[in-house]
Amino acid sequence: MPDQTIFVEEIQILAEQPTSTVLVDEVEEIQILAVAEQGPPGPAGEPGPAGGSTLQRTAGATLSALVVVYEEDGEVFALDKSDDANIDQLLGLTVTAADLGESINVQRSGAVNNNGWSWTPGRVYLGAAGALTQTPATDGNDVLIGRAVSATRLLLDIQDPIDLE
């Protein structure tokens, strides 16, 4: 829909006579711009807190949602429990998916829900290639990511890694 301009005349009435005569001081023309249809939505902004700490970074590789990641130079990558070089840069859990170079949302604390999970209530750890597991590590690093409070709900509470080697 193209922009349309509507012209309206404004008349200032100075006095009204009993004989229905009207005195007009001036006529002013006012231009009003009609509103066009709304355009497409812009890119999503950084997520706000929703009971947890969520931030936005750039994916350094193609990443799925619900993967534990570390950050290096503003980009995030999947973190493996055996990755001693990057274990101290653990950032959080991805809550969106992204291709290389796209924005990705990462949550550091609070509740995360996923109907595809089938947790037993209890501790949840970092596993291989950023996966979540309820089996504690026996080698590499033992990293508590949080606690499952139901089959589909995880409360993130990321703890410092414990080097098992």
Protein backbone atom coordinates (compact mmCIF):
# COMPACT_ATOMS: atom_id res chain seq x y z
CA MET A 1 0.00 0.00 0.00
CA PRO A 2 1.67 3.29 -1.04
CA ASP A 3 1.84 6.19 1.39
CA GLN A 4 -1.14 8.50 1.13
CA THR A 5 -1.38 12.13 2.13
CA ILE A 6 -4.63 13.51 3.49
CA PHE A 7 -5.24 17.26 3.65
CA VAL A 8 -7.47 18.72 6.34
CA GLU A 9 -8.54 22.36 6.58
CA GLU A 10 -8.67 23.84 10.04
CA ILE A 11 -10.92 26.86 10.52
CA GLN A 12 -10.66 29.08 13.53
CA ILE A 13 -14.05 30.52 14.54
CA LEU A 14 -13.78 33.90 16.23
CA ALA A 15 -17.41 34.66 17.00
CA GLU A 16 -20.85 33.43 16.21
CA GLN A 17 -23.73 35.89 15.61
CA PRO A 18 -27.35 35.15 16.39
CA THR A 19 -28.09 35.36 12.67
CA SER A 20 -25.81 32.33 12.10
CA THR A 21 -23.10 34.47 10.59
CA VAL A 22 -19.59 33.21 11.24
CA LEU A 23 -16.46 35.30 11.24
CA VAL A 24 -13.38 33.42 10.05
CA ASP A 25 -9.91 34.75 10.90
CA GLU A 26 -7.76 32.28 8.97
CA VAL A 27 -7.79 28.93 7.23
CA GLU A 28 -4.81 26.66 7.86
CA GLU A 29 -4.08 23.59 5.80
CA ILE A 30 -2.58 20.68 7.77
CA GLN A 31 -0.91 17.73 6.11
CA ILE A 32 -1.44 14.30 7.70
CA LEU A 33 0.54 11.29 6.50
CA ALA A 34 -1.54 8.11 6.45
CA VAL A 35 0.07 5.05 8.03
CA ALA A 36 1.06 2.24 5.66
CA GLU A 37 0.99 -1.49 6.36
CA GLN A 38 3.48 -2.81 8.90
CA GLY A 39 6.72 -4.10 7.41
CA PRO A 40 8.40 -7.41 8.18
CA PRO A 41 9.75 -7.95 11.70
CA GLY A 42 13.38 -7.09 12.38
CA PRO A 43 15.95 -9.51 13.78
CA ALA A 44 15.37 -10.83 17.28
CA GLY A 45 17.11 -8.91 20.02
CA GLU A 46 19.07 -10.38 22.87
CA PRO A 47 16.90 -12.52 25.11
CA GLY A 48 15.86 -11.09 28.43
CA PRO A 49 15.94 -12.91 31.72
CA ALA A 50 13.10 -15.36 32.25
CA GLY A 51 14.07 -16.85 35.54
CA GLY A 52 17.55 -17.45 34.21
CA SER A 53 20.54 -15.77 32.68
CA THR A 54 20.33 -15.97 28.88
CA LEU A 55 22.67 -14.28 26.43
CA GLN A 56 23.32 -14.21 22.71
CA ARG A 57 26.56 -15.13 20.96
CA THR A 58 27.72 -16.16 17.48
CA ALA A 59 27.90 -19.86 16.60
CA GLY A 60 31.47 -20.85 15.71
CA ALA A 61 30.08 -24.06 14.19
CA THR A 62 26.65 -25.46 13.38
CA LEU A 63 25.07 -26.15 16.77
CA SER A 64 21.85 -27.76 17.93
CA ALA A 65 19.78 -26.58 20.83
CA LEU A 66 20.49 -28.14 24.23
CA VAL A 67 24.26 -28.47 23.77
CA VAL A 68 26.80 -27.36 26.39
CA VAL A 69 29.13 -24.80 24.82
CA TYR A 70 32.28 -22.83 25.57
CA GLU A 71 33.11 -19.36 24.32
CA GLU A 72 36.26 -18.28 22.50
CA ASP A 73 36.69 -14.86 20.85
CA GLY A 74 32.93 -14.18 20.91
CA GLU A 75 32.02 -17.48 19.24
CA VAL A 76 30.62 -20.61 20.87
CA PHE A 77 31.49 -24.24 20.24
CA ALA A 78 30.31 -27.58 21.65
CA LEU A 79 32.31 -28.53 24.75
CA ASP A 80 33.47 -32.09 25.41
CA LYS A 81 34.10 -33.36 28.94
CA SER A 82 37.66 -34.28 27.83
CA ASP A 83 38.48 -30.84 26.37
CA ASP A 84 41.03 -29.65 28.97
CA ALA A 85 42.05 -26.67 26.80
CA ASN A 86 38.53 -25.12 26.84
CA ILE A 87 36.81 -26.54 29.92
CA ASP A 88 37.36 -23.32 31.87
CA GLN A 89 35.52 -21.31 29.17
CA LEU A 90 32.25 -23.22 29.69
CA LEU A 91 29.50 -20.71 28.90
CA GLY A 92 26.20 -22.56 29.22
CA LEU A 93 23.53 -24.54 27.39
CA THR A 94 22.26 -23.54 23.95
CA VAL A 95 18.51 -22.96 23.92
CA THR A 96 18.30 -22.30 20.18
CA ALA A 97 20.06 -23.88 17.20
CA ALA A 98 22.24 -22.01 14.71
CA ASP A 99 24.43 -22.48 11.67
CA LEU A 100 28.01 -21.21 11.56
CA GLY A 101 28.07 -17.41 11.97
CA GLU A 102 24.45 -17.06 13.10
CA SER A 103 23.26 -15.77 16.47
CA ILE A 104 22.58 -18.40 19.11
CA ASN A 105 21.00 -18.07 22.55
CA VAL A 106 22.83 -19.60 25.50
CA GLN A 107 21.35 -19.99 28.98
CA ARG A 108 23.60 -20.01 32.06
CA SER A 109 21.13 -20.54 34.90
CA GLY A 110 17.47 -21.13 35.60
CA ALA A 111 14.98 -23.64 34.27
CA VAL A 112 15.09 -25.25 30.82
CA ASN A 113 12.18 -27.39 29.61
CA ASN A 114 12.19 -29.91 26.77
CA ASN A 115 9.40 -32.41 26.11
CA GLY A 116 11.92 -34.70 24.37
CA TRP A 117 13.84 -35.31 27.59
CA SER A 118 13.17 -38.24 29.88
CA TRP A 119 15.32 -37.47 32.91
CA THR A 120 15.21 -39.25 36.22
CA PRO A 121 15.14 -36.53 38.87
CA GLY A 122 18.73 -35.95 39.97
CA ARG A 123 22.08 -34.62 38.76
CA VAL A 124 22.87 -33.87 35.11
CA TYR A 125 26.47 -33.70 33.84
CA LEU A 126 28.47 -32.66 30.79
CA GLY A 127 29.10 -35.62 28.47
CA ALA A 128 30.77 -36.08 25.09
CA ALA A 129 30.51 -33.33 22.43
CA GLY A 130 28.34 -31.07 24.60
CA ALA A 131 25.70 -33.70 25.33
CA LEU A 132 23.93 -33.84 28.67
CA THR A 133 24.05 -37.07 30.67
CA GLN A 134 23.10 -38.37 34.09
CA THR A 135 26.20 -40.56 34.24
CA PRO A 136 29.11 -38.90 36.06
CA ALA A 137 32.39 -38.82 34.12
CA THR A 138 35.09 -41.37 34.97
CA ASP A 139 37.76 -39.60 32.92
CA GLY A 140 38.34 -36.10 31.57
CA ASN A 141 36.37 -33.57 33.61
CA ASP A 142 33.40 -34.05 35.88
CA VAL A 143 31.11 -31.04 35.35
CA LEU A 144 27.77 -30.75 37.08
CA ILE A 145 25.44 -28.80 34.76
CA GLY A 146 22.35 -28.87 36.94
CA ARG A 147 19.56 -30.98 38.34
CA ALA A 148 16.61 -32.63 36.65
CA VAL A 149 13.52 -31.89 38.71
CA SER A 150 11.19 -33.80 36.41
CA ALA A 151 11.43 -35.88 33.25
CA THR A 152 11.33 -32.73 31.08
CA ARG A 153 12.73 -29.95 33.29
CA LEU A 154 16.34 -29.12 34.10
CA LEU A 155 17.46 -26.46 36.58
CA LEU A 156 20.81 -25.15 35.37
CA ASP A 157 23.38 -24.69 38.14
CA ILE A 158 26.74 -24.99 36.40
CA GLN A 159 29.59 -25.94 38.72
CA ASP A 160 33.36 -25.69 38.26
CA PRO A 161 34.92 -28.70 36.51
CA ILE A 162 36.76 -31.37 38.47
CA ASP A 163 39.76 -32.79 36.57
CA LEU A 164 39.62 -36.59 36.89
CA GLU A 165 42.98 -37.35 35.25
